[in-house]
């Protein structure tokens, strides 16, 4: 009888450890919502813009926390590109002689996305 109780107690202990491992490993990895990018709608180059700059540092933000690393992309690579990215920041550089609007999109590891329109004059 005593041997049976020890086997049963051991089995229950192992099952409890396995259950706690499974439950902690199944936490929701859902996203935190939309990502915002600042500055919003920057204007680069040209005499009518607020700056003659040909590059801008963009910062991604969410309400809680970003799921790094982030993926940055541009809609029209002929107009400009992301030349560096680190943490929640990326630097967009406009190609000279390419006026118009380009959209930069950022996505975190949960699939949350945000974008900003960059106007090039």
N, C-alpha and C. Protein backbone atom coordinates (compact mmCIF):
# COMPACT_ATOMS: atom_id res chain seq x y z
N UNK A 1 0.82 -1.19 0.00
CA UNK A 1 0.00 0.00 0.00
C UNK A 1 0.86 1.25 0.00
N UNK A 2 1.92 1.19 0.77
CA UNK A 2 2.79 2.35 0.85
C UNK A 2 3.47 2.60 -0.49
N UNK A 3 3.87 1.56 -1.20
CA UNK A 3 4.50 1.70 -2.49
C UNK A 3 3.53 2.35 -3.48
N UNK A 4 2.27 1.96 -3.43
CA UNK A 4 1.25 2.51 -4.30
C UNK A 4 1.08 4.01 -4.05
N UNK A 5 1.08 4.45 -2.79
CA UNK A 5 0.94 5.87 -2.44
C UNK A 5 2.11 6.69 -2.96
N UNK A 6 3.33 6.14 -2.88
CA UNK A 6 4.51 6.85 -3.37
C UNK A 6 4.45 7.01 -4.89
N UNK A 7 4.04 5.97 -5.58
CA UNK A 7 3.93 6.05 -7.03
C UNK A 7 2.87 7.08 -7.41
N UNK A 8 1.73 7.03 -6.74
CA UNK A 8 0.66 7.98 -7.03
C UNK A 8 1.10 9.41 -6.74
N UNK A 9 1.77 9.66 -5.64
CA UNK A 9 2.24 10.99 -5.27
C UNK A 9 3.26 11.49 -6.29
N UNK A 10 4.15 10.61 -6.73
CA UNK A 10 5.14 10.99 -7.74
C UNK A 10 4.48 11.33 -9.07
N UNK A 11 3.49 10.55 -9.46
CA UNK A 11 2.78 10.81 -10.71
C UNK A 11 2.06 12.14 -10.66
N UNK A 12 1.40 12.43 -9.56
CA UNK A 12 0.68 13.70 -9.40
C UNK A 12 1.67 14.86 -9.44
N UNK A 13 2.81 14.72 -8.79
CA UNK A 13 3.81 15.79 -8.77
C UNK A 13 4.33 16.08 -10.18
N UNK A 14 4.62 15.03 -10.92
CA UNK A 14 5.11 15.21 -12.29
C UNK A 14 4.04 15.87 -13.16
N UNK A 15 2.81 15.46 -13.02
CA UNK A 15 1.73 16.05 -13.82
C UNK A 15 1.54 17.52 -13.48
N UNK A 16 1.67 17.88 -12.22
CA UNK A 16 1.52 19.28 -11.82
C UNK A 16 2.65 20.12 -12.39
N UNK A 17 3.87 19.59 -12.39
CA UNK A 17 5.00 20.33 -12.96
C UNK A 17 4.81 20.53 -14.46
N UNK A 18 4.35 19.49 -15.14
CA UNK A 18 4.13 19.59 -16.58
C UNK A 18 3.01 20.60 -16.88
N UNK A 19 1.95 20.58 -16.10
CA UNK A 19 0.84 21.50 -16.31
C UNK A 19 1.29 22.95 -16.11
N UNK A 20 2.09 23.20 -15.08
CA UNK A 20 2.55 24.57 -14.84
C UNK A 20 3.47 25.03 -15.95
N UNK A 21 4.27 24.13 -16.50
CA UNK A 21 5.15 24.48 -17.61
C UNK A 21 4.33 24.83 -18.85
N UNK A 22 3.33 24.04 -19.14
CA UNK A 22 2.49 24.28 -20.32
C UNK A 22 1.72 25.58 -20.15
N UNK A 23 1.16 25.83 -19.00
CA UNK A 23 0.37 27.04 -18.79
C UNK A 23 1.22 28.30 -18.91
N UNK A 24 2.43 28.28 -18.36
CA UNK A 24 3.27 29.46 -18.45
C UNK A 24 3.79 29.65 -19.86
N UNK A 25 3.93 28.60 -20.62
CA UNK A 25 4.41 28.71 -21.99
C UNK A 25 3.33 29.11 -22.97
N UNK A 26 2.09 29.17 -22.54
CA UNK A 26 0.98 29.49 -23.44
C UNK A 26 0.41 30.87 -23.19
N UNK A 27 1.21 31.76 -22.64
CA UNK A 27 0.72 33.11 -22.42
C UNK A 27 0.47 33.77 -23.77
N UNK A 28 -0.50 34.62 -23.79
CA UNK A 28 -0.84 35.31 -25.03
C UNK A 28 0.30 36.20 -25.48
N UNK A 29 0.62 36.11 -26.75
CA UNK A 29 1.65 36.97 -27.33
C UNK A 29 1.00 38.00 -28.23
N UNK A 30 -0.22 38.34 -27.90
CA UNK A 30 -0.97 39.29 -28.73
C UNK A 30 -0.29 40.64 -28.75
N UNK A 31 -0.56 41.37 -29.79
CA UNK A 31 0.05 42.67 -29.96
C UNK A 31 -0.50 43.71 -29.03
N UNK A 32 0.09 44.86 -29.10
CA UNK A 32 -0.29 45.95 -28.21
C UNK A 32 -1.11 47.00 -28.93
N UNK A 33 -1.50 46.72 -30.14
CA UNK A 33 -2.28 47.69 -30.90
C UNK A 33 -1.43 48.33 -31.97
N UNK A 34 -1.92 49.43 -32.51
CA UNK A 34 -1.22 50.11 -33.58
C UNK A 34 0.06 50.78 -33.12
N UNK A 35 0.97 50.93 -34.04
CA UNK A 35 2.24 51.61 -33.78
C UNK A 35 2.14 53.01 -34.36
N UNK A 36 2.55 54.00 -33.58
CA UNK A 36 2.59 55.36 -34.11
C UNK A 36 4.03 55.72 -34.44
N UNK A 37 4.20 56.56 -35.45
CA UNK A 37 5.53 56.97 -35.88
C UNK A 37 5.62 58.48 -35.78
N UNK A 38 6.71 58.96 -35.21
CA UNK A 38 6.91 60.40 -35.12
C UNK A 38 8.28 60.75 -35.70
N UNK A 39 8.46 61.93 -36.24
CA UNK A 39 7.46 62.96 -36.37
C UNK A 39 6.40 62.57 -37.39
N UNK A 40 5.21 63.12 -37.24
CA UNK A 40 4.14 62.82 -38.19
C UNK A 40 4.27 63.74 -39.39
N UNK A 41 4.23 63.16 -40.56
CA UNK A 41 4.25 63.88 -41.85
C UNK A 41 5.41 64.89 -41.99
N UNK A 42 6.65 64.43 -41.88
CA UNK A 42 7.78 65.35 -42.06
C UNK A 42 7.93 65.76 -43.53
N UNK A 43 8.51 66.94 -43.73
CA UNK A 43 8.77 67.47 -45.07
C UNK A 43 10.28 67.64 -45.21
N UNK A 44 10.83 67.09 -46.29
CA UNK A 44 12.27 67.15 -46.53
C UNK A 44 12.60 67.94 -47.78
N UNK A 45 13.69 68.72 -47.72
CA UNK A 45 14.23 69.41 -48.88
C UNK A 45 13.34 70.50 -49.43
N UNK A 46 13.90 71.27 -50.38
CA UNK A 46 13.13 72.30 -51.05
C UNK A 46 13.00 73.58 -50.24
N UNK A 47 12.76 74.68 -50.93
CA UNK A 47 12.69 75.98 -50.26
C UNK A 47 11.40 76.17 -49.49
N UNK A 48 10.34 75.46 -49.85
CA UNK A 48 9.06 75.62 -49.17
C UNK A 48 8.93 74.79 -47.90
N UNK A 49 9.90 73.96 -47.63
CA UNK A 49 9.80 73.08 -46.47
C UNK A 49 10.34 73.77 -45.23
N UNK A 50 10.08 73.20 -44.10
CA UNK A 50 10.57 73.75 -42.84
C UNK A 50 12.04 73.46 -42.65
N UNK A 51 12.60 72.62 -43.50
CA UNK A 51 14.00 72.24 -43.36
C UNK A 51 14.57 71.87 -44.71
N UNK A 52 15.85 72.12 -44.90
CA UNK A 52 16.54 71.68 -46.12
C UNK A 52 17.09 70.27 -45.94
N UNK A 53 16.74 69.63 -44.87
CA UNK A 53 17.28 68.30 -44.55
C UNK A 53 16.89 67.30 -45.62
N UNK A 54 17.78 66.33 -45.83
CA UNK A 54 17.48 65.25 -46.77
C UNK A 54 17.25 63.94 -46.02
N UNK A 55 17.29 64.00 -44.68
CA UNK A 55 17.09 62.79 -43.87
C UNK A 55 16.31 63.16 -42.61
N UNK A 56 15.62 62.17 -42.06
CA UNK A 56 14.87 62.39 -40.83
C UNK A 56 14.95 61.12 -39.99
N UNK A 57 15.07 61.29 -38.67
CA UNK A 57 15.05 60.16 -37.75
C UNK A 57 13.60 59.93 -37.33
N UNK A 58 13.11 58.72 -37.55
CA UNK A 58 11.75 58.34 -37.21
C UNK A 58 11.77 57.50 -35.94
N UNK A 59 10.76 57.67 -35.10
CA UNK A 59 10.66 56.91 -33.86
C UNK A 59 9.32 56.21 -33.79
N UNK A 60 9.36 54.91 -33.56
CA UNK A 60 8.13 54.11 -33.42
C UNK A 60 7.75 54.06 -31.95
N UNK A 61 6.43 54.15 -31.68
CA UNK A 61 5.93 54.13 -30.31
C UNK A 61 4.63 53.36 -30.25
N UNK A 62 4.42 52.68 -29.13
CA UNK A 62 3.13 52.05 -28.83
C UNK A 62 2.76 52.40 -27.41
N UNK A 63 1.54 52.08 -27.05
CA UNK A 63 1.06 52.41 -25.71
C UNK A 63 1.82 51.64 -24.64
N UNK A 64 2.06 50.35 -24.85
CA UNK A 64 2.73 49.53 -23.85
C UNK A 64 4.22 49.41 -24.14
N UNK A 65 4.57 48.46 -24.98
CA UNK A 65 5.98 48.25 -25.32
C UNK A 65 6.07 47.64 -26.71
N UNK A 66 7.10 48.02 -27.42
CA UNK A 66 7.33 47.48 -28.76
C UNK A 66 7.93 46.09 -28.65
N UNK A 67 7.59 45.24 -29.60
CA UNK A 67 8.18 43.91 -29.68
C UNK A 67 9.31 43.98 -30.69
N UNK A 68 10.51 44.23 -30.18
CA UNK A 68 11.68 44.38 -31.04
C UNK A 68 12.17 43.02 -31.52
N UNK A 69 12.88 42.94 -32.64
CA UNK A 69 13.27 44.05 -33.51
C UNK A 69 12.13 44.46 -34.43
N UNK A 70 12.24 45.69 -34.91
CA UNK A 70 11.24 46.24 -35.82
C UNK A 70 11.68 46.06 -37.26
N UNK A 71 10.71 45.96 -38.16
CA UNK A 71 10.98 45.89 -39.59
C UNK A 71 10.50 47.20 -40.21
N UNK A 72 11.41 47.94 -40.83
CA UNK A 72 11.08 49.20 -41.48
C UNK A 72 11.08 48.98 -42.99
N UNK A 73 10.13 49.60 -43.70
CA UNK A 73 10.09 49.48 -45.15
C UNK A 73 9.58 50.79 -45.76
N UNK A 74 9.92 51.01 -47.03
CA UNK A 74 9.45 52.19 -47.75
C UNK A 74 8.60 51.73 -48.94
N UNK A 75 7.60 52.53 -49.27
CA UNK A 75 6.71 52.17 -50.38
C UNK A 75 7.40 52.34 -51.73
N UNK A 76 8.22 53.40 -51.87
CA UNK A 76 8.89 53.68 -53.14
C UNK A 76 10.40 53.83 -52.90
N UNK A 77 11.17 52.75 -53.06
CA UNK A 77 12.62 52.82 -52.83
C UNK A 77 13.35 53.78 -53.76
N UNK A 78 12.75 54.13 -54.90
CA UNK A 78 13.39 55.09 -55.80
C UNK A 78 13.43 56.49 -55.19
N UNK A 79 12.52 56.77 -54.25
CA UNK A 79 12.45 58.09 -53.63
C UNK A 79 13.36 58.22 -52.41
N UNK A 80 13.59 57.12 -51.70
CA UNK A 80 14.40 57.17 -50.50
C UNK A 80 14.45 55.82 -49.84
N UNK A 81 15.24 55.73 -48.77
CA UNK A 81 15.41 54.43 -48.11
C UNK A 81 15.71 54.61 -46.63
N UNK A 82 15.56 53.53 -45.91
CA UNK A 82 15.97 53.48 -44.50
C UNK A 82 17.47 53.16 -44.51
N UNK A 83 18.27 54.09 -44.02
CA UNK A 83 19.72 53.89 -44.07
C UNK A 83 20.28 53.31 -42.78
N UNK A 84 19.52 53.40 -41.70
CA UNK A 84 19.93 52.76 -40.44
C UNK A 84 18.71 52.57 -39.56
N UNK A 85 18.77 51.54 -38.73
CA UNK A 85 17.68 51.26 -37.79
C UNK A 85 18.27 50.62 -36.55
N UNK A 86 17.79 51.07 -35.40
CA UNK A 86 18.25 50.53 -34.13
C UNK A 86 17.18 50.77 -33.08
N UNK A 87 16.79 49.70 -32.39
CA UNK A 87 15.76 49.83 -31.37
C UNK A 87 14.47 50.35 -31.98
N UNK A 88 13.95 51.45 -31.46
CA UNK A 88 12.69 52.00 -31.96
C UNK A 88 12.91 53.12 -32.97
N UNK A 89 14.15 53.38 -33.38
CA UNK A 89 14.46 54.47 -34.31
C UNK A 89 14.96 53.97 -35.65
N UNK A 90 14.67 54.74 -36.68
CA UNK A 90 15.19 54.47 -38.02
C UNK A 90 15.44 55.81 -38.70
N UNK A 91 16.45 55.85 -39.57
CA UNK A 91 16.75 57.06 -40.32
C UNK A 91 16.36 56.86 -41.77
N UNK A 92 15.48 57.74 -42.25
CA UNK A 92 15.05 57.73 -43.64
C UNK A 92 15.84 58.80 -44.37
N UNK A 93 16.43 58.45 -45.53
CA UNK A 93 17.17 59.40 -46.35
C UNK A 93 16.49 59.50 -47.70
N UNK A 94 16.15 60.74 -48.07
CA UNK A 94 15.51 61.01 -49.35
C UNK A 94 16.56 61.04 -50.45
N UNK A 95 16.21 60.52 -51.61
CA UNK A 95 17.06 60.64 -52.79
C UNK A 95 16.82 61.99 -53.43
N UNK A 96 17.89 62.69 -53.79
CA UNK A 96 17.73 64.02 -54.37
C UNK A 96 17.06 63.95 -55.73
N UNK A 97 16.30 64.98 -56.03
CA UNK A 97 15.61 65.06 -57.31
C UNK A 97 14.40 64.14 -57.42
N UNK A 98 13.90 63.67 -56.31
CA UNK A 98 12.73 62.77 -56.31
C UNK A 98 11.63 63.36 -55.45
N UNK A 99 10.91 64.38 -55.95
CA UNK A 99 9.83 64.98 -55.17
C UNK A 99 8.60 64.09 -55.13
N UNK A 100 7.81 64.29 -54.10
CA UNK A 100 6.57 63.54 -53.94
C UNK A 100 6.43 63.02 -52.52
N UNK A 101 5.48 62.12 -52.34
CA UNK A 101 5.22 61.52 -51.03
C UNK A 101 5.69 60.08 -51.02
N UNK A 102 6.35 59.69 -49.95
CA UNK A 102 6.76 58.30 -49.76
C UNK A 102 6.22 57.85 -48.41
N UNK A 103 5.80 56.61 -48.34
CA UNK A 103 5.25 56.06 -47.11
C UNK A 103 6.26 55.13 -46.48
N UNK A 104 6.57 55.37 -45.21
CA UNK A 104 7.45 54.50 -44.44
C UNK A 104 6.57 53.72 -43.48
N UNK A 105 6.73 52.41 -43.47
CA UNK A 105 5.94 51.54 -42.60
C UNK A 105 6.87 50.80 -41.65
N UNK A 106 6.40 50.66 -40.41
CA UNK A 106 7.14 49.90 -39.41
C UNK A 106 6.23 48.80 -38.88
N UNK A 107 6.81 47.64 -38.61
CA UNK A 107 6.06 46.51 -38.08
C UNK A 107 6.86 45.87 -36.95
N UNK A 108 6.18 45.60 -35.82
CA UNK A 108 6.87 44.93 -34.72
C UNK A 108 6.68 43.41 -34.84
N UNK A 109 7.23 42.67 -33.90
CA UNK A 109 7.22 41.21 -33.97
C UNK A 109 5.85 40.60 -33.72
N UNK A 110 4.88 41.40 -33.23
CA UNK A 110 3.51 40.91 -33.07
C UNK A 110 2.66 41.20 -34.29
N UNK A 111 3.23 41.87 -35.30
CA UNK A 111 2.48 42.21 -36.49
C UNK A 111 1.77 43.55 -36.41
N UNK A 112 2.00 44.31 -35.35
CA UNK A 112 1.43 45.65 -35.24
C UNK A 112 2.15 46.57 -36.21
N UNK A 113 1.42 47.40 -36.92
CA UNK A 113 2.01 48.27 -37.94
C UNK A 113 1.65 49.72 -37.71
N UNK A 114 2.51 50.56 -38.21
CA UNK A 114 2.27 51.99 -38.24
C UNK A 114 2.99 52.56 -39.45
N UNK A 115 2.56 53.74 -39.89
CA UNK A 115 3.21 54.33 -41.05
C UNK A 115 3.20 55.86 -40.93
N UNK A 116 4.03 56.47 -41.75
CA UNK A 116 4.11 57.91 -41.82
C UNK A 116 4.36 58.29 -43.28
N UNK A 117 3.76 59.41 -43.69
CA UNK A 117 3.97 59.92 -45.04
C UNK A 117 5.07 60.97 -44.97
N UNK A 118 6.11 60.79 -45.78
CA UNK A 118 7.20 61.75 -45.86
C UNK A 118 7.08 62.49 -47.18
N UNK A 119 6.97 63.82 -47.10
CA UNK A 119 6.87 64.64 -48.29
C UNK A 119 8.26 65.14 -48.66
N UNK A 120 8.61 64.93 -49.92
CA UNK A 120 9.91 65.37 -50.44
C UNK A 120 9.66 66.45 -51.48
N UNK A 121 10.27 67.62 -51.25
CA UNK A 121 10.09 68.75 -52.17
C UNK A 121 11.30 68.93 -53.05
